[in-house]
Amino acid sequence: MQTRYVANEFSREQLVLYIQQHKLPFMVEIHSASARSVEQNRLQFLWINEIAMQTGETPSDVRARLKLTIGVPLLREESEKFRKAYDGMLKPLTYEEKLTLIRDLDLPITRAMTQKQFGTYLDRVFEQHAAKGYELTQPEIAEWR
């Protein structure tokens, strides 16, 4: 399955080229989406680094852990297609195998989220880590919504 975010004419043209090169028959799904904001991306990477400094994990390990423990459940709740794909291929793996795949293959967990979903993801990251006593930068709520 190929997921692409098309936000400008260049990315639309690239998608058209991709489709033209694809062998027939095939299926296409198009969904309206609002991508994550720049502020959301900045906040995610700020928190990843803050968590890494407090836990001793590497930022890439924190990022993979957050994708697996917060991002995957969120997408499973909201997307039957994601849930079926995840449950069929990744769910049977061990926790460590899942982390390795997510980290080393940079699986598109958060990239597949809409702006609203990513806001919920950030809420959960903050809630879970604040509850454990980690200190995370607290911007205005509007910055991650």
Protein backbone atom coordinates (compact mmCIF):
# COMPACT_ATOMS: atom_id res chain seq x y z
CA MET A 1 0.00 0.00 0.00
CA GLN A 2 1.29 3.43 -0.93
CA THR A 3 0.21 6.52 1.02
CA ARG A 4 1.05 9.97 -0.28
CA TYR A 5 0.22 13.40 1.03
CA VAL A 6 -0.54 15.78 -1.82
CA ALA A 7 -0.38 19.42 -0.71
CA ASN A 8 0.80 21.30 -3.79
CA GLU A 9 0.94 21.11 -7.56
CA PHE A 10 4.38 19.47 -7.60
CA SER A 11 3.25 16.62 -5.34
CA ARG A 12 0.07 16.24 -7.42
CA GLU A 13 2.17 15.98 -10.60
CA GLN A 14 4.41 13.40 -8.94
CA LEU A 15 1.36 11.37 -7.99
CA VAL A 16 0.04 11.50 -11.56
CA LEU A 17 3.40 10.26 -12.86
CA TYR A 18 3.37 7.48 -10.28
CA ILE A 19 -0.14 6.44 -11.35
CA GLN A 20 0.76 6.55 -15.05
CA GLN A 21 3.67 4.17 -14.44
CA HIS A 22 1.53 1.70 -12.48
CA LYS A 23 0.48 -1.50 -14.24
CA LEU A 24 -3.26 -1.95 -14.74
CA PRO A 25 -5.49 -2.91 -13.02
CA PHE A 26 -5.09 -1.18 -9.66
CA MET A 27 -7.19 0.63 -7.04
CA VAL A 28 -6.89 4.19 -5.78
CA GLU A 29 -8.34 5.78 -2.65
CA ILE A 30 -8.35 9.53 -2.17
CA HIS A 31 -9.13 11.14 1.17
CA SER A 32 -9.27 14.79 2.12
CA ALA A 33 -6.76 15.46 4.84
CA SER A 34 -5.11 18.26 6.67
CA ALA A 35 -1.48 17.46 7.30
CA ARG A 36 0.31 17.97 10.53
CA SER A 37 1.35 21.51 11.15
CA VAL A 38 4.94 22.70 11.36
CA GLU A 39 4.28 23.55 15.02
CA GLN A 40 3.13 19.98 15.70
CA ASN A 41 6.27 18.56 14.08
CA ARG A 42 8.52 20.88 16.06
CA LEU A 43 6.78 19.97 19.30
CA GLN A 44 7.02 16.25 18.60
CA PHE A 45 10.77 16.42 18.03
CA LEU A 46 11.27 18.72 21.03
CA TRP A 47 9.45 16.24 23.26
CA ILE A 48 11.31 13.28 21.78
CA ASN A 49 14.60 14.94 22.68
CA GLU A 50 13.39 15.97 26.14
CA ILE A 51 12.17 12.42 26.87
CA ALA A 52 15.42 10.93 25.57
CA MET A 53 17.46 13.19 27.86
CA GLN A 54 15.36 12.15 30.87
CA THR A 55 15.19 8.41 30.12
CA GLY A 56 18.63 7.79 28.67
CA GLU A 57 17.10 6.39 25.47
CA THR A 58 18.24 7.58 22.08
CA PRO A 59 15.86 9.94 20.28
CA SER A 60 15.26 7.29 17.59
CA ASP A 61 14.34 4.74 20.27
CA VAL A 62 11.94 7.22 21.92
CA ARG A 63 10.38 8.02 18.56
CA ALA A 64 9.86 4.32 17.76
CA ARG A 65 8.43 3.63 21.24
CA LEU A 66 5.97 6.52 20.95
CA LYS A 67 4.89 5.39 17.50
CA LEU A 68 4.32 1.84 18.77
CA THR A 69 2.71 2.55 22.14
CA ILE A 70 0.69 5.65 21.25
CA GLY A 71 0.53 6.02 17.46
CA VAL A 72 -0.38 2.43 16.61
CA PRO A 73 -3.28 2.22 19.11
CA LEU A 74 -4.61 5.56 17.86
CA LEU A 75 -4.55 4.49 14.21
CA ARG A 76 -6.02 1.09 15.11
CA GLU A 77 -8.94 2.90 16.82
CA GLU A 78 -9.62 5.13 13.85
CA SER A 79 -8.80 3.08 10.76
CA GLU A 80 -10.14 -0.36 9.99
CA LYS A 81 -7.71 -0.62 7.08
CA PHE A 82 -4.72 0.15 9.33
CA ARG A 83 -6.01 -2.19 12.04
CA LYS A 84 -6.36 -5.10 9.61
CA ALA A 85 -2.91 -4.53 8.10
CA TYR A 86 -1.24 -4.11 11.49
CA ASP A 87 -3.02 -7.05 13.09
CA GLY A 88 -2.24 -9.31 10.16
CA MET A 89 1.44 -8.46 9.80
CA LEU A 90 2.87 -6.82 12.91
CA LYS A 91 0.71 -7.76 15.87
CA PRO A 92 2.11 -11.34 16.07
CA LEU A 93 5.66 -9.99 16.47
CA THR A 94 7.28 -9.43 19.86
CA TYR A 95 7.42 -5.92 21.30
CA GLU A 96 11.15 -5.72 20.56
CA GLU A 97 10.66 -6.89 16.95
CA LYS A 98 7.96 -4.25 16.44
CA LEU A 99 10.20 -1.53 17.87
CA THR A 100 13.07 -2.59 15.63
CA LEU A 101 10.88 -2.56 12.51
CA ILE A 102 9.35 0.81 13.33
CA ARG A 103 12.73 2.36 14.12
CA ASP A 104 14.91 0.79 11.45
CA LEU A 105 12.39 0.93 8.59
CA ASP A 106 10.93 4.27 9.71
CA LEU A 107 7.40 2.94 9.33
CA PRO A 108 4.95 5.76 8.55
CA ILE A 109 2.85 5.68 11.69
CA THR A 110 2.61 9.38 12.54
CA ARG A 111 3.02 10.45 8.90
CA ALA A 112 -0.25 8.66 8.18
CA MET A 113 -2.12 10.85 10.66
CA THR A 114 -4.29 13.85 9.94
CA GLN A 115 -3.66 17.07 11.84
CA LYS A 116 -6.47 16.19 14.26
CA GLN A 117 -5.15 12.66 14.85
CA PHE A 118 -1.65 14.01 15.37
CA GLY A 119 -3.04 16.48 17.93
CA THR A 120 -4.59 13.56 19.81
CA TYR A 121 -1.26 11.70 19.54
CA LEU A 122 0.57 14.67 21.07
CA ASP A 123 -2.04 14.92 23.85
CA ARG A 124 -1.42 11.26 24.72
CA VAL A 125 2.37 11.66 24.60
CA PHE A 126 2.14 14.57 27.03
CA GLU A 127 -0.40 12.90 29.35
CA GLN A 128 1.50 9.62 29.62
CA HIS A 129 4.88 11.20 30.24
CA ALA A 130 3.65 13.95 32.57
CA ALA A 131 1.88 11.27 34.63
CA LYS A 132 5.25 9.52 35.05
CA GLY A 133 6.92 12.75 36.20
CA TYR A 134 8.76 13.68 33.03
CA GLU A 135 9.05 17.38 32.36
CA LEU A 136 8.02 18.42 28.87
CA THR A 137 7.81 21.87 27.36
CA GLN A 138 4.21 23.10 27.54
CA PRO A 139 3.34 25.37 24.63
CA GLU A 140 -0.07 26.91 24.12
CA ILE A 141 -2.63 24.18 23.37
CA ALA A 142 -3.43 25.83 20.04
CA GLU A 143 0.09 25.09 18.86
CA TRP A 144 -0.51 21.34 18.70
CA ARG A 145 -4.17 21.34 17.68
